Amino acid sequence: MRLTAPELRSLIKQDAAYRNAQAILTGEWATRAAENPLFQAPITIADLKFARDLQAAGVADTHLDFDDYAAVQTWIATNRPSLSENDIAWLLRNFD
């Protein structure tokens, strides 16, 4: 899979979108949220899609396998406070 132009730009710049995707893939979202307790941004579907695309392109180490139901369920349980119902539905869409 290829990254889109905006995703590639984000990867090169290692901007906030890239750091969010990396935090998702490495299981560090809660750590990032704890660093700034006054502002805890929720995870968005865009963050999840970018993380999935980085994983598919092979440019990111990952602790989350988007194709493994048990792994996704465990990840959801760990990150539940930062997820909306839409995020959860997106994560589980391939398992219905």
C-alpha atoms as a PDB file:
ATOM      1  CA  MET A   1       0.000   0.000   0.000  1.00  0.00           C
ATOM      2  CA  ARG A   2       1.160   3.514  -0.743  1.00  0.00           C
ATOM      3  CA  LEU A   3       0.756   6.517   1.474  1.00  0.00           C
ATOM      4  CA  THR A   4      -1.231   9.453   0.154  1.00  0.00           C
ATOM      5  CA  ALA A   5       0.589  12.713  -0.544  1.00  0.00           C
ATOM      6  CA  PRO A   6      -0.680  14.332   2.692  1.00  0.00           C
ATOM      7  CA  GLU A   7       0.288  11.213   4.686  1.00  0.00           C
ATOM      8  CA  LEU A   8       3.768  11.163   3.139  1.00  0.00           C
ATOM      9  CA  ARG A   9       4.198  14.869   3.891  1.00  0.00           C
ATOM     10  CA  SER A  10       3.117  14.229   7.487  1.00  0.00           C
ATOM     11  CA  LEU A  11       5.594  11.345   7.757  1.00  0.00           C
ATOM     12  CA  ILE A  12       8.446  13.464   6.425  1.00  0.00           C
ATOM     13  CA  LYS A  13       7.617  16.405   8.691  1.00  0.00           C
ATOM     14  CA  GLN A  14       6.727  14.094  11.607  1.00  0.00           C
ATOM     15  CA  ASP A  15       3.932  16.484  12.467  1.00  0.00           C
ATOM     16  CA  ALA A  16       1.096  16.057  14.971  1.00  0.00           C
ATOM     17  CA  ALA A  17      -0.908  13.728  12.698  1.00  0.00           C
ATOM     18  CA  TYR A  18       2.109  11.450  12.334  1.00  0.00           C
ATOM     19  CA  ARG A  19       2.823  11.526  16.080  1.00  0.00           C
ATOM     20  CA  ASN A  20      -0.819  10.627  16.766  1.00  0.00           C
ATOM     21  CA  ALA A  21      -0.657   7.681  14.371  1.00  0.00           C
ATOM     22  CA  GLN A  22       2.621   6.532  15.918  1.00  0.00           C
ATOM     23  CA  ALA A  23       1.141   6.746  19.413  1.00  0.00           C
ATOM     24  CA  ILE A  24      -1.741   4.539  18.262  1.00  0.00           C
ATOM     25  CA  LEU A  25       0.569   1.966  16.699  1.00  0.00           C
ATOM     26  CA  THR A  26       3.030   1.818  19.581  1.00  0.00           C
ATOM     27  CA  GLY A  27       0.428   1.761  22.339  1.00  0.00           C
ATOM     28  CA  GLU A  28       1.540   5.122  23.713  1.00  0.00           C
ATOM     29  CA  TRP A  29      -1.677   7.138  23.352  1.00  0.00           C
ATOM     30  CA  ALA A  30      -2.375   7.034  27.085  1.00  0.00           C
ATOM     31  CA  THR A  31       1.190   8.147  27.819  1.00  0.00           C
ATOM     32  CA  ARG A  32       0.837  11.103  25.468  1.00  0.00           C
ATOM     33  CA  ALA A  33      -2.490  12.017  27.080  1.00  0.00           C
ATOM     34  CA  ALA A  34      -0.946  11.837  30.553  1.00  0.00           C
ATOM     35  CA  GLU A  35       1.788  14.267  29.493  1.00  0.00           C
ATOM     36  CA  ASN A  36      -0.809  17.016  29.189  1.00  0.00           C
ATOM     37  CA  PRO A  37      -3.771  16.304  31.499  1.00  0.00           C
ATOM     38  CA  LEU A  38      -5.379  19.668  30.732  1.00  0.00           C
ATOM     39  CA  PHE A  39      -5.830  18.797  27.079  1.00  0.00           C
ATOM     40  CA  GLN A  40      -6.511  15.200  26.198  1.00  0.00           C
ATOM     41  CA  ALA A  41      -7.422  15.052  22.533  1.00  0.00           C
ATOM     42  CA  PRO A  42      -9.675  12.194  21.532  1.00  0.00           C
ATOM     43  CA  ILE A  43      -8.560   9.717  18.910  1.00  0.00           C
ATOM     44  CA  THR A  44     -10.173  10.369  15.549  1.00  0.00           C
ATOM     45  CA  ILE A  45     -10.965   8.069  12.658  1.00  0.00           C
ATOM     46  CA  ALA A  46      -8.432  10.074  10.637  1.00  0.00           C
ATOM     47  CA  ASP A  47      -5.768   9.160  13.231  1.00  0.00           C
ATOM     48  CA  LEU A  48      -6.774   5.504  13.001  1.00  0.00           C
ATOM     49  CA  LYS A  49      -6.741   5.501   9.183  1.00  0.00           C
ATOM     50  CA  PHE A  50      -3.302   7.108   9.088  1.00  0.00           C
ATOM     51  CA  ALA A  51      -2.009   4.554  11.610  1.00  0.00           C
ATOM     52  CA  ARG A  52      -3.434   1.719   9.491  1.00  0.00           C
ATOM     53  CA  ASP A  53      -1.884   3.187   6.336  1.00  0.00           C
ATOM     54  CA  LEU A  54       1.539   3.560   8.001  1.00  0.00           C
ATOM     55  CA  GLN A  55       1.315  -0.040   9.149  1.00  0.00           C
ATOM     56  CA  ALA A  56       0.271  -1.274   5.696  1.00  0.00           C
ATOM     57  CA  ALA A  57       3.107   0.666   4.066  1.00  0.00           C
ATOM     58  CA  GLY A  58       5.576  -0.974   6.440  1.00  0.00           C
ATOM     59  CA  VAL A  59       6.995   2.291   7.742  1.00  0.00           C
ATOM     60  CA  ALA A  60       5.965   1.955  11.366  1.00  0.00           C
ATOM     61  CA  ASP A  61       6.586  -0.478  14.185  1.00  0.00           C
ATOM     62  CA  THR A  62       3.311  -1.560  15.650  1.00  0.00           C
ATOM     63  CA  HIS A  63       1.730  -3.241  18.615  1.00  0.00           C
ATOM     64  CA  LEU A  64      -1.702  -3.087  16.995  1.00  0.00           C
ATOM     65  CA  ASP A  65      -2.788  -5.459  14.243  1.00  0.00           C
ATOM     66  CA  PHE A  66      -5.890  -3.970  12.621  1.00  0.00           C
ATOM     67  CA  ASP A  67      -6.737  -7.395  11.166  1.00  0.00           C
ATOM     68  CA  ASP A  68      -6.665  -9.321  14.465  1.00  0.00           C
ATOM     69  CA  TYR A  69      -9.987  -9.173  16.323  1.00  0.00           C
ATOM     70  CA  ALA A  70      -8.469  -9.971  19.728  1.00  0.00           C
ATOM     71  CA  ALA A  71      -5.739  -7.360  19.285  1.00  0.00           C
ATOM     72  CA  VAL A  72      -8.262  -4.723  18.264  1.00  0.00           C
ATOM     73  CA  GLN A  73     -10.531  -5.562  21.220  1.00  0.00           C
ATOM     74  CA  THR A  74      -7.596  -5.342  23.630  1.00  0.00           C
ATOM     75  CA  TRP A  75      -6.527  -2.034  22.123  1.00  0.00           C
ATOM     76  CA  ILE A  76     -10.073  -0.679  22.407  1.00  0.00           C
ATOM     77  CA  ALA A  77     -10.271  -1.713  26.066  1.00  0.00           C
ATOM     78  CA  THR A  78      -6.967   0.003  26.822  1.00  0.00           C
ATOM     79  CA  ASN A  79      -7.849   3.221  24.999  1.00  0.00           C
ATOM     80  CA  ARG A  80     -11.607   3.368  25.649  1.00  0.00           C
ATOM     81  CA  PRO A  81     -11.571   6.813  27.333  1.00  0.00           C
ATOM     82  CA  SER A  82     -10.094   8.354  24.169  1.00  0.00           C
ATOM     83  CA  LEU A  83     -12.444   6.636  21.713  1.00  0.00           C
ATOM     84  CA  SER A  84     -15.855   7.633  20.438  1.00  0.00           C
ATOM     85  CA  GLU A  85     -18.502   5.125  19.409  1.00  0.00           C
ATOM     86  CA  ASN A  86     -17.719   5.989  15.773  1.00  0.00           C
ATOM     87  CA  ASP A  87     -14.037   5.162  16.339  1.00  0.00           C
ATOM     88  CA  ILE A  88     -14.961   1.802  17.827  1.00  0.00           C
ATOM     89  CA  ALA A  89     -17.355   1.045  14.975  1.00  0.00           C
ATOM     90  CA  TRP A  90     -14.609   1.890  12.477  1.00  0.00           C
ATOM     91  CA  LEU A  91     -12.127  -0.394  14.236  1.00  0.00           C
ATOM     92  CA  LEU A  92     -14.621  -3.274  14.293  1.00  0.00           C
ATOM     93  CA  ARG A  93     -16.066  -2.773  10.791  1.00  0.00           C
ATOM     94  CA  ASN A  94     -14.117  -5.673   9.251  1.00  0.00           C
ATOM     95  CA  PHE A  95     -15.276  -8.144  11.887  1.00  0.00           C
ATOM     96  CA  ASP A  96     -19.047  -7.819  11.498  1.00  0.00           C
END
